[in-house]
Amino acid sequence: MTNNTSDITVIYHSRKKFYDYKRDIYWYEFTSDISKGDFTSLIPGGFLNIPFTLYYEFGGSHEEALKNLTDNGFIDIVEGDAI
């Protein structure tokens, strides 16, 4: 199990298409090649799991989410496919 945020990749996915391009919404996915274990304790405050999915929403803007992630030591943050 990883206990280091630098081992975790954060992939953000646009949800604009779902909202007919009227809302700037992103979902976030946390993944690690090093560990398949549970590292949810490393996910910073403000991110809430979307039930029955691997995705999280953030209670603020996308820019605030990125700042929160970098402030908490996440360095591998990449754009994923729109969902």
PDB file of N, CA and C in Angstrom:
ATOM      1  N   MET A   1       0.841  -1.183   0.000  1.00  0.00           N
ATOM      2  CA  MET A   1       0.000   0.000   0.000  1.00  0.00           C
ATOM      3  C   MET A   1       0.882   1.241   0.000  1.00  0.00           C
ATOM      4  N   THR A   2       0.549   2.207  -0.842  1.00  0.00           N
ATOM      5  CA  THR A   2       1.331   3.438  -0.904  1.00  0.00           C
ATOM      6  C   THR A   2       0.947   4.369   0.238  1.00  0.00           C
ATOM      7  N   ASN A   3       1.920   5.061   0.762  1.00  0.00           N
ATOM      8  CA  ASN A   3       1.631   6.067   1.778  1.00  0.00           C
ATOM      9  C   ASN A   3       2.264   7.389   1.380  1.00  0.00           C
ATOM     10  N   ASN A   4       2.446   7.561   0.080  1.00  0.00           N
ATOM     11  CA  ASN A   4       3.098   8.744  -0.437  1.00  0.00           C
ATOM     12  C   ASN A   4       2.281   9.305  -1.599  1.00  0.00           C
ATOM     13  N   THR A   5       1.901  10.565  -1.513  1.00  0.00           N
ATOM     14  CA  THR A   5       1.078  11.157  -2.567  1.00  0.00           C
ATOM     15  C   THR A   5       1.804  11.218  -3.898  1.00  0.00           C
ATOM     16  N   SER A   6       3.139  11.215  -3.886  1.00  0.00           N
ATOM     17  CA  SER A   6       3.875  11.269  -5.155  1.00  0.00           C
ATOM     18  C   SER A   6       3.753   9.957  -5.931  1.00  0.00           C
ATOM     19  N   ASP A   7       3.272   8.900  -5.295  1.00  0.00           N
ATOM     20  CA  ASP A   7       3.045   7.620  -5.965  1.00  0.00           C
ATOM     21  C   ASP A   7       1.662   7.536  -6.607  1.00  0.00           C
ATOM     22  N   ILE A   8       0.848   8.550  -6.410  1.00  0.00           N
ATOM     23  CA  ILE A   8      -0.536   8.538  -6.878  1.00  0.00           C
ATOM     24  C   ILE A   8      -0.692   9.490  -8.063  1.00  0.00           C
ATOM     25  N   THR A   9      -1.326   9.004  -9.104  1.00  0.00           N
ATOM     26  CA  THR A   9      -1.663   9.835 -10.254  1.00  0.00           C
ATOM     27  C   THR A   9      -3.095  10.322 -10.079  1.00  0.00           C
ATOM     28  N   VAL A  10      -3.297  11.615 -10.302  1.00  0.00           N
ATOM     29  CA  VAL A  10      -4.643  12.187 -10.284  1.00  0.00           C
ATOM     30  C   VAL A  10      -5.011  12.495 -11.736  1.00  0.00           C
ATOM     31  N   ILE A  11      -6.114  11.934 -12.171  1.00  0.00           N
ATOM     32  CA  ILE A  11      -6.602  12.167 -13.531  1.00  0.00           C
ATOM     33  C   ILE A  11      -7.905  12.946 -13.410  1.00  0.00           C
ATOM     34  N   TYR A  12      -7.948  14.115 -14.059  1.00  0.00           N
ATOM     35  CA  TYR A  12      -9.199  14.878 -14.013  1.00  0.00           C
ATOM     36  C   TYR A  12      -9.918  14.740 -15.354  1.00  0.00           C
ATOM     37  N   HIS A  13     -11.236  14.606 -15.253  1.00  0.00           N
ATOM     38  CA  HIS A  13     -12.087  14.357 -16.413  1.00  0.00           C
ATOM     39  C   HIS A  13     -13.144  15.452 -16.501  1.00  0.00           C
ATOM     40  N   SER A  14     -13.245  16.069 -17.660  1.00  0.00           N
ATOM     41  CA  SER A  14     -14.267  17.089 -17.879  1.00  0.00           C
ATOM     42  C   SER A  14     -15.648  16.441 -17.962  1.00  0.00           C
ATOM     43  N   ARG A  15     -16.623  17.136 -17.381  1.00  0.00           N
ATOM     44  CA  ARG A  15     -18.024  16.709 -17.483  1.00  0.00           C
ATOM     45  C   ARG A  15     -18.836  17.723 -18.289  1.00  0.00           C
ATOM     46  N   LYS A  16     -18.147  18.634 -18.997  1.00  0.00           N
ATOM     47  CA  LYS A  16     -18.837  19.686 -19.756  1.00  0.00           C
ATOM     48  C   LYS A  16     -19.823  19.112 -20.776  1.00  0.00           C
ATOM     49  N   LYS A  17     -19.417  18.060 -21.479  1.00  0.00           N
ATOM     50  CA  LYS A  17     -20.290  17.472 -22.494  1.00  0.00           C
ATOM     51  C   LYS A  17     -21.591  16.988 -21.867  1.00  0.00           C
ATOM     52  N   PHE A  18     -21.504  16.389 -20.675  1.00  0.00           N
ATOM     53  CA  PHE A  18     -22.689  15.904 -19.972  1.00  0.00           C
ATOM     54  C   PHE A  18     -23.662  17.048 -19.677  1.00  0.00           C
ATOM     55  N   TYR A  19     -23.116  18.223 -19.389  1.00  0.00           N
ATOM     56  CA  TYR A  19     -23.935  19.395 -19.061  1.00  0.00           C
ATOM     57  C   TYR A  19     -24.131  20.301 -20.276  1.00  0.00           C
ATOM     58  N   ASP A  20     -24.061  19.750 -21.484  1.00  0.00           N
ATOM     59  CA  ASP A  20     -24.227  20.514 -22.717  1.00  0.00           C
ATOM     60  C   ASP A  20     -23.310  21.734 -22.758  1.00  0.00           C
ATOM     61  N   TYR A  21     -22.116  21.599 -22.226  1.00  0.00           N
ATOM     62  CA  TYR A  21     -21.077  22.638 -22.243  1.00  0.00           C
ATOM     63  C   TYR A  21     -21.489  23.902 -21.502  1.00  0.00           C
ATOM     64  N   LYS A  22     -22.484  23.801 -20.613  1.00  0.00           N
ATOM     65  CA  LYS A  22     -22.965  24.957 -19.857  1.00  0.00           C
ATOM     66  C   LYS A  22     -22.344  25.047 -18.473  1.00  0.00           C
ATOM     67  N   ARG A  23     -21.730  23.968 -18.007  1.00  0.00           N
ATOM     68  CA  ARG A  23     -21.138  23.968 -16.663  1.00  0.00           C
ATOM     69  C   ARG A  23     -19.725  23.408 -16.736  1.00  0.00           C
ATOM     70  N   ASP A  24     -18.824  24.040 -16.022  1.00  0.00           N
ATOM     71  CA  ASP A  24     -17.425  23.634 -15.998  1.00  0.00           C
ATOM     72  C   ASP A  24     -17.197  22.707 -14.803  1.00  0.00           C
ATOM     73  N   ILE A  25     -17.541  21.433 -14.973  1.00  0.00           N
ATOM     74  CA  ILE A  25     -17.475  20.441 -13.907  1.00  0.00           C
ATOM     75  C   ILE A  25     -16.393  19.423 -14.248  1.00  0.00           C
ATOM     76  N   TYR A  26     -15.644  19.031 -13.230  1.00  0.00           N
ATOM     77  CA  TYR A  26     -14.624  17.994 -13.398  1.00  0.00           C
ATOM     78  C   TYR A  26     -14.817  16.916 -12.343  1.00  0.00           C
ATOM     79  N   TRP A  27     -14.525  15.695 -12.723  1.00  0.00           N
ATOM     80  CA  TRP A  27     -14.433  14.598 -11.785  1.00  0.00           C
ATOM     81  C   TRP A  27     -12.980  14.176 -11.717  1.00  0.00           C
ATOM     82  N   TYR A  28     -12.557  13.692 -10.568  1.00  0.00           N
ATOM     83  CA  TYR A  28     -11.157  13.364 -10.312  1.00  0.00           C
ATOM     84  C   TYR A  28     -11.028  11.882  -9.972  1.00  0.00           C
ATOM     85  N   GLU A  29      -9.975  11.279 -10.507  1.00  0.00           N
ATOM     86  CA  GLU A  29      -9.711   9.859 -10.289  1.00  0.00           C
ATOM     87  C   GLU A  29      -8.309   9.738  -9.685  1.00  0.00           C
ATOM     88  N   PHE A  30      -8.185   8.964  -8.638  1.00  0.00           N
ATOM     89  CA  PHE A  30      -6.909   8.752  -7.963  1.00  0.00           C
ATOM     90  C   PHE A  30      -6.476   7.310  -8.226  1.00  0.00           C
ATOM     91  N   THR A  31      -5.267   7.132  -8.762  1.00  0.00           N
ATOM     92  CA  THR A  31      -4.799   5.801  -9.123  1.00  0.00           C
ATOM     93  C   THR A  31      -3.299   5.679  -8.856  1.00  0.00           C
ATOM     94  N   SER A  32      -2.839   4.457  -8.669  1.00  0.00           N
ATOM     95  CA  SER A  32      -1.424   4.219  -8.420  1.00  0.00           C
ATOM     96  C   SER A  32      -0.994   2.914  -9.062  1.00  0.00           C
ATOM     97  N   ASP A  33       0.146   2.937  -9.776  1.00  0.00           N
ATOM     98  CA  ASP A  33       0.717   1.719 -10.348  1.00  0.00           C
ATOM     99  C   ASP A  33       1.465   0.924  -9.290  1.00  0.00           C
ATOM    100  N   ILE A  34       1.882   1.594  -8.246  1.00  0.00           N
ATOM    101  CA  ILE A  34       2.699   0.960  -7.221  1.00  0.00           C
ATOM    102  C   ILE A  34       1.862   0.077  -6.310  1.00  0.00           C
ATOM    103  N   SER A  35       0.635   0.506  -6.035  1.00  0.00           N
ATOM    104  CA  SER A  35      -0.179  -0.220  -5.068  1.00  0.00           C
ATOM    105  C   SER A  35      -1.612  -0.311  -5.540  1.00  0.00           C
ATOM    106  N   LYS A  36      -2.181  -1.439  -5.359  1.00  0.00           N
ATOM    107  CA  LYS A  36      -3.611  -1.618  -5.616  1.00  0.00           C
ATOM    108  C   LYS A  36      -4.392  -1.516  -4.315  1.00  0.00           C
ATOM    109  N   GLY A  37      -3.706  -1.174  -3.240  1.00  0.00           N
ATOM    110  CA  GLY A  37      -4.338  -1.079  -1.930  1.00  0.00           C
ATOM    111  C   GLY A  37      -5.178   0.175  -1.789  1.00  0.00           C
ATOM    112  N   ASP A  38      -5.732   0.341  -0.629  1.00  0.00           N
ATOM    113  CA  ASP A  38      -6.589   1.475  -0.321  1.00  0.00           C
ATOM    114  C   ASP A  38      -5.741   2.647   0.142  1.00  0.00           C
ATOM    115  N   PHE A  39      -5.743   3.724  -0.629  1.00  0.00           N
ATOM    116  CA  PHE A  39      -5.002   4.921  -0.241  1.00  0.00           C
ATOM    117  C   PHE A  39      -5.938   6.121  -0.115  1.00  0.00           C
ATOM    118  N   THR A  40      -7.225   5.842   0.148  1.00  0.00           N
ATOM    119  CA  THR A  40      -8.202   6.925   0.245  1.00  0.00           C
ATOM    120  C   THR A  40      -7.887   7.884   1.393  1.00  0.00           C
ATOM    121  N   SER A  41      -7.153   7.439   2.381  1.00  0.00           N
ATOM    122  CA  SER A  41      -6.806   8.333   3.494  1.00  0.00           C
ATOM    123  C   SER A  41      -5.880   9.462   3.043  1.00  0.00           C
ATOM    124  N   LEU A  42      -5.249   9.306   1.879  1.00  0.00           N
ATOM    125  CA  LEU A  42      -4.358  10.341   1.359  1.00  0.00           C
ATOM    126  C   LEU A  42      -5.094  11.384   0.524  1.00  0.00           C
ATOM    127  N   ILE A  43      -6.344  11.118   0.183  1.00  0.00           N
ATOM    128  CA  ILE A  43      -7.110  12.066  -0.626  1.00  0.00           C
ATOM    129  C   ILE A  43      -7.469  13.255   0.255  1.00  0.00           C
ATOM    130  N   PRO A  44      -7.084  14.462  -0.179  1.00  0.00           N
ATOM    131  CA  PRO A  44      -7.269  15.633   0.688  1.00  0.00           C
ATOM    132  C   PRO A  44      -8.730  16.025   0.873  1.00  0.00           C
ATOM    133  N   GLY A  45      -8.968  16.800   1.904  1.00  0.00           N
ATOM    134  CA  GLY A  45     -10.307  17.321   2.176  1.00  0.00           C
ATOM    135  C   GLY A  45     -10.840  18.110   1.001  1.00  0.00           C
ATOM    136  N   GLY A  46     -12.146  18.119   0.871  1.00  0.00           N
ATOM    137  CA  GLY A  46     -12.793  18.838  -0.220  1.00  0.00           C
ATOM    138  C   GLY A  46     -13.180  17.935  -1.372  1.00  0.00           C
ATOM    139  N   PHE A  47     -12.594  16.732  -1.428  1.00  0.00           N
ATOM    140  CA  PHE A  47     -12.922  15.766  -2.468  1.00  0.00           C
ATOM    141  C   PHE A  47     -13.882  14.741  -1.888  1.00  0.00           C
ATOM    142  N   LEU A  48     -15.019  14.584  -2.550  1.00  0.00           N
ATOM    143  CA  LEU A  48     -16.042  13.640  -2.088  1.00  0.00           C
ATOM    144  C   LEU A  48     -16.258  12.567  -3.142  1.00  0.00           C
ATOM    145  N   ASN A  49     -16.270  11.313  -2.696  1.00  0.00           N
ATOM    146  CA  ASN A  49     -16.478  10.194  -3.602  1.00  0.00           C
ATOM    147  C   ASN A  49     -17.887  10.218  -4.162  1.00  0.00           C
ATOM    148  N   ILE A  50     -17.997   9.970  -5.446  1.00  0.00           N
ATOM    149  CA  ILE A  50     -19.293   9.841  -6.094  1.00  0.00           C
ATOM    150  C   ILE A  50     -19.692   8.376  -5.919  1.00  0.00           C
ATOM    151  N   PRO A  51     -20.778   8.124  -5.209  1.00  0.00           N
ATOM    152  CA  PRO A  51     -21.158   6.744  -4.874  1.00  0.00           C
ATOM    153  C   PRO A  51     -21.182   5.821  -6.082  1.00  0.00           C
ATOM    154  N   PHE A  52     -20.703   4.609  -5.859  1.00  0.00           N
ATOM    155  CA  PHE A  52     -20.687   3.536  -6.844  1.00  0.00           C
ATOM    156  C   PHE A  52     -19.758   3.805  -8.029  1.00  0.00           C
ATOM    157  N   THR A  53     -18.807   4.739  -7.861  1.00  0.00           N
ATOM    158  CA  THR A  53     -17.834   5.028  -8.917  1.00  0.00           C
ATOM    159  C   THR A  53     -16.438   5.128  -8.302  1.00  0.00           C
ATOM    160  N   LEU A  54     -15.447   5.246  -9.153  1.00  0.00           N
ATOM    161  CA  LEU A  54     -14.069   5.487  -8.728  1.00  0.00           C
ATOM    162  C   LEU A  54     -13.753   6.982  -8.675  1.00  0.00           C
ATOM    163  N   TYR A  55     -14.739   7.827  -8.975  1.00  0.00           N
ATOM    164  CA  TYR A  55     -14.510   9.257  -9.153  1.00  0.00           C
ATOM    165  C   TYR A  55     -14.860  10.070  -7.912  1.00  0.00           C
ATOM    166  N   TYR A  56     -14.252  11.265  -7.880  1.00  0.00           N
ATOM    167  CA  TYR A  56     -14.480  12.225  -6.802  1.00  0.00           C
ATOM    168  C   TYR A  56     -14.837  13.569  -7.407  1.00  0.00           C
ATOM    169  N   GLU A  57     -15.689  14.315  -6.712  1.00  0.00           N
ATOM    170  CA  GLU A  57     -15.964  15.713  -7.054  1.00  0.00           C
ATOM    171  C   GLU A  57     -15.251  16.584  -6.038  1.00  0.00           C
ATOM    172  N   PHE A  58     -14.996  17.812  -6.428  1.00  0.00           N
ATOM    173  CA  PHE A  58     -14.364  18.752  -5.511  1.00  0.00           C
ATOM    174  C   PHE A  58     -15.338  19.872  -5.199  1.00  0.00           C
ATOM    175  N   GLY A  59     -15.397  20.290  -3.950  1.00  0.00           N
ATOM    176  CA  GLY A  59     -16.323  21.341  -3.509  1.00  0.00           C
ATOM    177  C   GLY A  59     -15.771  22.725  -3.760  1.00  0.00           C
ATOM    178  N   GLY A  60     -15.436  23.030  -4.977  1.00  0.00           N
ATOM    179  CA  GLY A  60     -14.895  24.326  -5.370  1.00  0.00           C
ATOM    180  C   GLY A  60     -14.579  24.292  -6.854  1.00  0.00           C
ATOM    181  N   SER A  61     -13.845  25.279  -7.311  1.00  0.00           N
ATOM    182  CA  SER A  61     -13.507  25.346  -8.722  1.00  0.00           C
ATOM    183  C   SER A  61     -12.395  24.356  -9.071  1.00  0.00           C
ATOM    184  N   HIS A  62     -12.222  24.136 -10.354  1.00  0.00           N
ATOM    185  CA  HIS A  62     -11.162  23.245 -10.823  1.00  0.00           C
ATOM    186  C   HIS A  62      -9.783  23.796 -10.428  1.00  0.00           C
ATOM    187  N   GLU A  63      -9.618  25.101 -10.535  1.00  0.00           N
ATOM    188  CA  GLU A  63      -8.353  25.729 -10.150  1.00  0.00           C
ATOM    189  C   GLU A  63      -8.067  25.520  -8.665  1.00  0.00           C
ATOM    190  N   GLU A  64      -9.096  25.630  -7.838  1.00  0.00           N
ATOM    191  CA  GLU A  64      -8.934  25.381  -6.401  1.00  0.00           C
ATOM    192  C   GLU A  64      -8.587  23.916  -6.131  1.00  0.00           C
ATOM    193  N   ALA A  65      -9.186  23.019  -6.910  1.00  0.00           N
ATOM    194  CA  ALA A  65      -8.889  21.594  -6.752  1.00  0.00           C
ATOM    195  C   ALA A  65      -7.423  21.322  -7.073  1.00  0.00           C
ATOM    196  N   LEU A  66      -6.930  21.896  -8.167  1.00  0.00           N
ATOM    197  CA  LEU A  66      -5.531  21.698  -8.542  1.00  0.00           C
ATOM    198  C   LEU A  66      -4.592  22.265  -7.489  1.00  0.00           C
ATOM    199  N   LYS A  67      -4.927  23.423  -6.939  1.00  0.00           N
ATOM    200  CA  LYS A  67      -4.103  24.017  -5.880  1.00  0.00           C
ATOM    201  C   LYS A  67      -4.118  23.133  -4.638  1.00  0.00           C
ATOM    202  N   ASN A  68      -5.290  22.639  -4.267  1.00  0.00           N
ATOM    203  CA  ASN A  68      -5.427  21.751  -3.114  1.00  0.00           C
ATOM    204  C   ASN A  68      -4.546  20.510  -3.303  1.00  0.00           C
ATOM    205  N   LEU A  69      -4.591  19.936  -4.489  1.00  0.00           N
ATOM    206  CA  LEU A  69      -3.800  18.735  -4.760  1.00  0.00           C
ATOM    207  C   LEU A  69      -2.301  19.019  -4.655  1.00  0.00           C
ATOM    208  N   THR A  70      -1.840  20.079  -5.296  1.00  0.00           N
ATOM    209  CA  THR A  70      -0.406  20.381  -5.257  1.00  0.00           C
ATOM    210  C   THR A  70       0.036  20.777  -3.855  1.00  0.00           C
ATOM    211  N   ASP A  71      -0.806  21.503  -3.140  1.00  0.00           N
ATOM    212  CA  ASP A  71      -0.484  21.868  -1.753  1.00  0.00           C
ATOM    213  C   ASP A  71      -0.351  20.634  -0.861  1.00  0.00           C
ATOM    214  N   ASN A  72      -1.030  19.549  -1.237  1.00  0.00           N
ATOM    215  CA  ASN A  72      -0.992  18.311  -0.456  1.00  0.00           C
ATOM    216  C   ASN A  72      -0.007  17.285  -1.010  1.00  0.00           C
ATOM    217  N   GLY A  73       0.884  17.717  -1.906  1.00  0.00           N
ATOM    218  CA  GLY A  73       1.977  16.868  -2.353  1.00  0.00           C
ATOM    219  C   GLY A  73       1.734  16.029  -3.591  1.00  0.00           C
ATOM    220  N   PHE A  74       0.591  16.181  -4.239  1.00  0.00           N
ATOM    221  CA  PHE A  74       0.345  15.444  -5.475  1.00  0.00           C
ATOM    222  C   PHE A  74       1.098  16.144  -6.607  1.00  0.00           C
ATOM    223  N   ILE A  75       1.895  15.370  -7.344  1.00  0.00           N
ATOM    224  CA  ILE A  75       2.696  15.976  -8.403  1.00  0.00           C
ATOM    225  C   ILE A  75       2.329  15.450  -9.792  1.00  0.00           C
ATOM    226  N   ASP A  76       1.720  14.284  -9.854  1.00  0.00           N
ATOM    227  CA  ASP A  76       1.335  13.679 -11.135  1.00  0.00           C
ATOM    228  C   ASP A  76      -0.160  13.904 -11.341  1.00  0.00           C
ATOM    229  N   ILE A  77      -0.487  15.045 -11.964  1.00  0.00           N
ATOM    230  CA  ILE A  77      -1.879  15.438 -12.194  1.00  0.00           C
ATOM    231  C   ILE A  77      -2.042  15.629 -13.697  1.00  0.00           C
ATOM    232  N   VAL A  78      -2.910  14.818 -14.316  1.00  0.00           N
ATOM    233  CA  VAL A  78      -3.030  14.827 -15.762  1.00  0.00           C
ATOM    234  C   VAL A  78      -4.501  14.916 -16.197  1.00  0.00           C
ATOM    235  N   GLU A  79      -4.685  15.422 -17.399  1.00  0.00           N
ATOM    236  CA  GLU A  79      -6.031  15.504 -17.970  1.00  0.00           C
ATOM    237  C   GLU A  79      -6.395  14.177 -18.610  1.00  0.00           C
ATOM    238  N   GLY A  80      -7.566  13.689 -18.293  1.00  0.00           N
ATOM    239  CA  GLY A  80      -8.064  12.452 -18.873  1.00  0.00           C
ATOM    240  C   GLY A  80      -9.144  12.727 -19.896  1.00  0.00           C
ATOM    241  N   ASP A  81      -9.777  11.691 -20.346  1.00  0.00           N
ATOM    242  CA  ASP A  81     -10.857  11.813 -21.310  1.00  0.00           C
ATOM    243  C   ASP A  81     -12.098  12.408 -20.668  1.00  0.00           C
ATOM    244  N   ALA A  82     -12.881  13.104 -21.476  1.00  0.00           N
ATOM    245  CA  ALA A  82     -14.178  13.613 -21.015  1.00  0.00           C
ATOM    246  C   ALA A  82     -15.090  12.438 -20.726  1.00  0.00           C
ATOM    247  N   ILE A  83     -15.877  12.556 -19.678  1.00  0.00           N
ATOM    248  CA  ILE A  83     -16.836  11.487 -19.342  1.00  0.00           C
ATOM    249  C   ILE A  83     -18.209  12.093 -19.146  1.00  0.00           C
TER     250      ILE A  83
END
